[in-house]
């Protein structure tokens, strides 16, 4: 496969410093880079800051603060958008306690069978999931064993019949 992995996912943010306080200060992801964008590739003048936070595997979460561009910030439902980050069991438990102690909206621990998860809401309204693999994770995510394609095909067929 030509795709090597995720370099970064990018999201809008309201305030770069508040975002830094959450991602670097609370989650512990170091601010690794910042780009000041004054003009887009299409020639439009802008005043945008693009920041990058490094994760343990070398990939990044990135944010754009673009005050000159309208964007509706609203609390996201887990099904609409959430960012899931992998941690070990000790970190999951420590971050659960840290979230409560900091007064940050903290939910969980949710048992998904193959992972356990906790959830926070960042200053932009995004749901941040910290997840820890459980025993049997790799087997549960093996399409040769879990029937993922059959489940998708049944779902697609049922949706087609319903319309």
Protein backbone atom coordinates (compact mmCIF):
# COMPACT_ATOMS: atom_id res chain seq x y z
CA UNK A 1 0.00 0.00 0.00
CA UNK A 2 1.30 3.45 -0.90
CA UNK A 3 -0.23 5.24 2.11
CA UNK A 4 2.28 5.12 4.96
CA UNK A 5 0.11 6.48 7.77
CA UNK A 6 -1.45 9.63 9.08
CA UNK A 7 0.71 12.75 9.01
CA UNK A 8 -1.94 15.07 10.49
CA UNK A 9 -5.62 15.75 10.83
CA UNK A 10 -6.55 19.43 10.79
CA UNK A 11 -9.51 21.18 12.40
CA UNK A 12 -10.61 24.77 12.88
CA UNK A 13 -10.09 26.41 16.27
CA UNK A 14 -11.53 29.53 17.88
CA UNK A 15 -8.40 30.59 19.72
CA UNK A 16 -4.93 29.14 19.18
CA UNK A 17 -3.78 29.79 22.74
CA UNK A 18 -6.83 28.13 24.32
CA UNK A 19 -6.32 25.22 21.95
CA UNK A 20 -2.64 25.02 22.96
CA UNK A 21 -3.56 25.03 26.64
CA UNK A 22 -5.80 22.00 26.09
CA UNK A 23 -3.67 19.96 23.69
CA UNK A 24 -0.24 20.78 25.12
CA UNK A 25 -1.08 21.77 28.69
CA UNK A 26 -3.77 19.20 29.46
CA UNK A 27 -3.20 16.31 27.03
CA UNK A 28 0.59 16.71 26.91
CA UNK A 29 0.99 16.92 23.12
CA UNK A 30 3.88 19.31 22.46
CA UNK A 31 3.38 22.22 20.09
CA UNK A 32 5.66 21.18 17.23
CA UNK A 33 5.07 23.79 14.57
CA UNK A 34 3.16 26.90 13.59
CA UNK A 35 2.64 28.41 10.16
CA UNK A 36 1.47 31.97 9.66
CA UNK A 37 -0.55 32.05 6.44
CA UNK A 38 -0.97 35.48 4.86
CA UNK A 39 -2.11 34.37 1.42
CA UNK A 40 -3.80 31.19 0.23
CA UNK A 41 -2.54 29.20 -2.77
CA UNK A 42 -5.43 30.73 -4.74
CA UNK A 43 -4.15 34.25 -3.96
CA UNK A 44 -6.74 35.24 -1.32
CA UNK A 45 -5.35 37.42 1.47
CA UNK A 46 -5.84 35.91 4.92
CA UNK A 47 -4.56 36.08 8.47
CA UNK A 48 -4.47 32.45 9.63
CA UNK A 49 -2.37 30.51 12.10
CA UNK A 50 -1.87 26.76 11.48
CA UNK A 51 -0.53 24.89 14.54
CA UNK A 52 0.68 21.28 14.89
CA UNK A 53 0.77 19.10 18.03
CA UNK A 54 3.05 16.03 17.92
CA UNK A 55 1.75 12.64 19.00
CA UNK A 56 3.95 9.79 20.23
CA UNK A 57 4.06 8.01 16.86
CA UNK A 58 5.24 11.14 15.01
CA UNK A 59 1.88 12.13 13.54
CA UNK A 60 0.17 15.41 14.40
CA UNK A 61 -3.13 17.01 15.31
CA UNK A 62 -3.32 20.39 13.60
CA UNK A 63 -5.56 23.43 13.92
CA UNK A 64 -6.36 26.52 11.88
CA UNK A 65 -7.30 29.76 13.59
CA UNK A 66 -8.79 31.75 10.72
CA UNK A 67 -10.73 34.69 12.17
CA UNK A 68 -11.38 36.13 8.70
CA UNK A 69 -13.34 33.03 7.62
CA UNK A 70 -16.79 32.23 9.01
CA UNK A 71 -17.10 28.91 10.82
CA UNK A 72 -19.82 27.68 13.16
CA UNK A 73 -18.28 26.24 16.29
CA UNK A 74 -20.71 23.99 18.09
CA UNK A 75 -20.39 21.07 20.46
CA UNK A 76 -20.02 17.96 18.33
CA UNK A 77 -21.94 14.76 18.95
CA UNK A 78 -19.66 11.72 19.22
CA UNK A 79 -21.21 10.28 16.04
CA UNK A 80 -20.68 13.50 14.09
CA UNK A 81 -17.02 14.03 14.90
CA UNK A 82 -14.58 12.84 17.48
CA UNK A 83 -10.84 12.46 17.63
CA UNK A 84 -9.71 9.14 19.14
CA UNK A 85 -6.16 8.95 20.50
CA UNK A 86 -4.55 5.73 21.75
CA UNK A 87 -3.03 5.57 25.25
CA UNK A 88 -2.02 2.82 27.64
CA UNK A 89 -4.18 1.70 30.59
CA UNK A 90 -2.26 3.73 33.21
CA UNK A 91 -2.56 6.90 31.11
CA UNK A 92 -6.29 6.30 30.54
CA UNK A 93 -6.90 6.07 34.27
CA UNK A 94 -4.65 9.04 35.09
CA UNK A 95 -6.29 11.24 32.44
CA UNK A 96 -9.76 10.31 33.66
CA UNK A 97 -8.83 11.57 37.15
CA UNK A 98 -7.01 14.60 35.70
CA UNK A 99 -10.05 15.61 33.64
CA UNK A 100 -12.35 15.50 36.65
CA UNK A 101 -9.84 17.37 38.82
CA UNK A 102 -9.45 20.08 36.15
CA UNK A 103 -13.21 20.54 35.81
CA UNK A 104 -13.14 19.47 32.17
CA UNK A 105 -16.20 17.61 30.86
CA UNK A 106 -15.09 13.99 31.30
CA UNK A 107 -17.11 10.88 30.39
CA UNK A 108 -16.39 7.16 30.61
CA UNK A 109 -14.91 4.68 31.09
CA UNK A 110 -16.83 3.09 28.18
CA UNK A 111 -16.28 -0.61 27.46
CA UNK A 112 -16.44 -1.15 23.69
CA UNK A 113 -15.37 -4.79 23.93
CA UNK A 114 -12.04 -4.38 22.16
CA UNK A 115 -11.13 -0.95 23.63
CA UNK A 116 -11.96 1.12 26.72
CA UNK A 117 -12.51 4.84 26.21
CA UNK A 118 -12.88 8.12 28.04
CA UNK A 119 -14.09 11.36 26.51
CA UNK A 120 -13.36 15.06 26.94
CA UNK A 121 -14.57 18.17 25.13
CA UNK A 122 -11.91 20.59 23.91
CA UNK A 123 -12.34 24.41 23.89
CA UNK A 124 -13.61 24.26 20.29
CA UNK A 125 -16.45 21.81 21.03
CA UNK A 126 -14.71 18.72 19.61
CA UNK A 127 -15.00 15.40 21.43
CA UNK A 128 -11.59 13.94 22.28
CA UNK A 129 -11.54 10.21 23.01
CA UNK A 130 -8.64 8.55 24.76
CA UNK A 131 -8.72 4.83 24.10
CA UNK A 132 -6.84 1.86 25.47
CA UNK A 133 -6.68 -1.47 23.64
CA UNK A 134 -8.12 -4.49 25.46
CA UNK A 135 -6.98 -8.08 25.17
CA UNK A 136 -8.26 -9.42 21.85
CA UNK A 137 -8.10 -6.01 20.13
CA UNK A 138 -6.16 -7.23 17.10
CA UNK A 139 -8.49 -10.19 16.52
CA UNK A 140 -11.52 -7.91 16.87
CA UNK A 141 -10.09 -5.60 14.18
CA UNK A 142 -9.09 -8.42 11.81
CA UNK A 143 -11.53 -8.35 8.85
CA UNK A 144 -10.82 -12.02 8.12
CA UNK A 145 -12.28 -12.85 11.54
CA UNK A 146 -14.78 -10.12 12.36
CA UNK A 147 -17.06 -10.18 9.31
CA UNK A 148 -16.72 -6.45 8.66
CA UNK A 149 -17.41 -6.71 4.94
CA UNK A 150 -20.47 -8.95 5.45
CA UNK A 151 -21.86 -6.49 8.04
CA UNK A 152 -21.33 -3.56 5.67
CA UNK A 153 -22.97 -5.46 2.79
CA UNK A 154 -26.01 -6.35 4.96
CA UNK A 155 -26.26 -2.74 6.14
CA UNK A 156 -26.07 -1.41 2.58
CA UNK A 157 -28.70 -3.89 1.34
CA UNK A 158 -31.06 -3.03 4.21
CA UNK A 159 -30.66 0.71 3.52
CA UNK A 160 -31.39 0.15 -0.17
CA UNK A 161 -34.59 -1.77 0.69
CA UNK A 162 -35.69 1.00 3.06
CA UNK A 163 -35.52 3.71 0.39
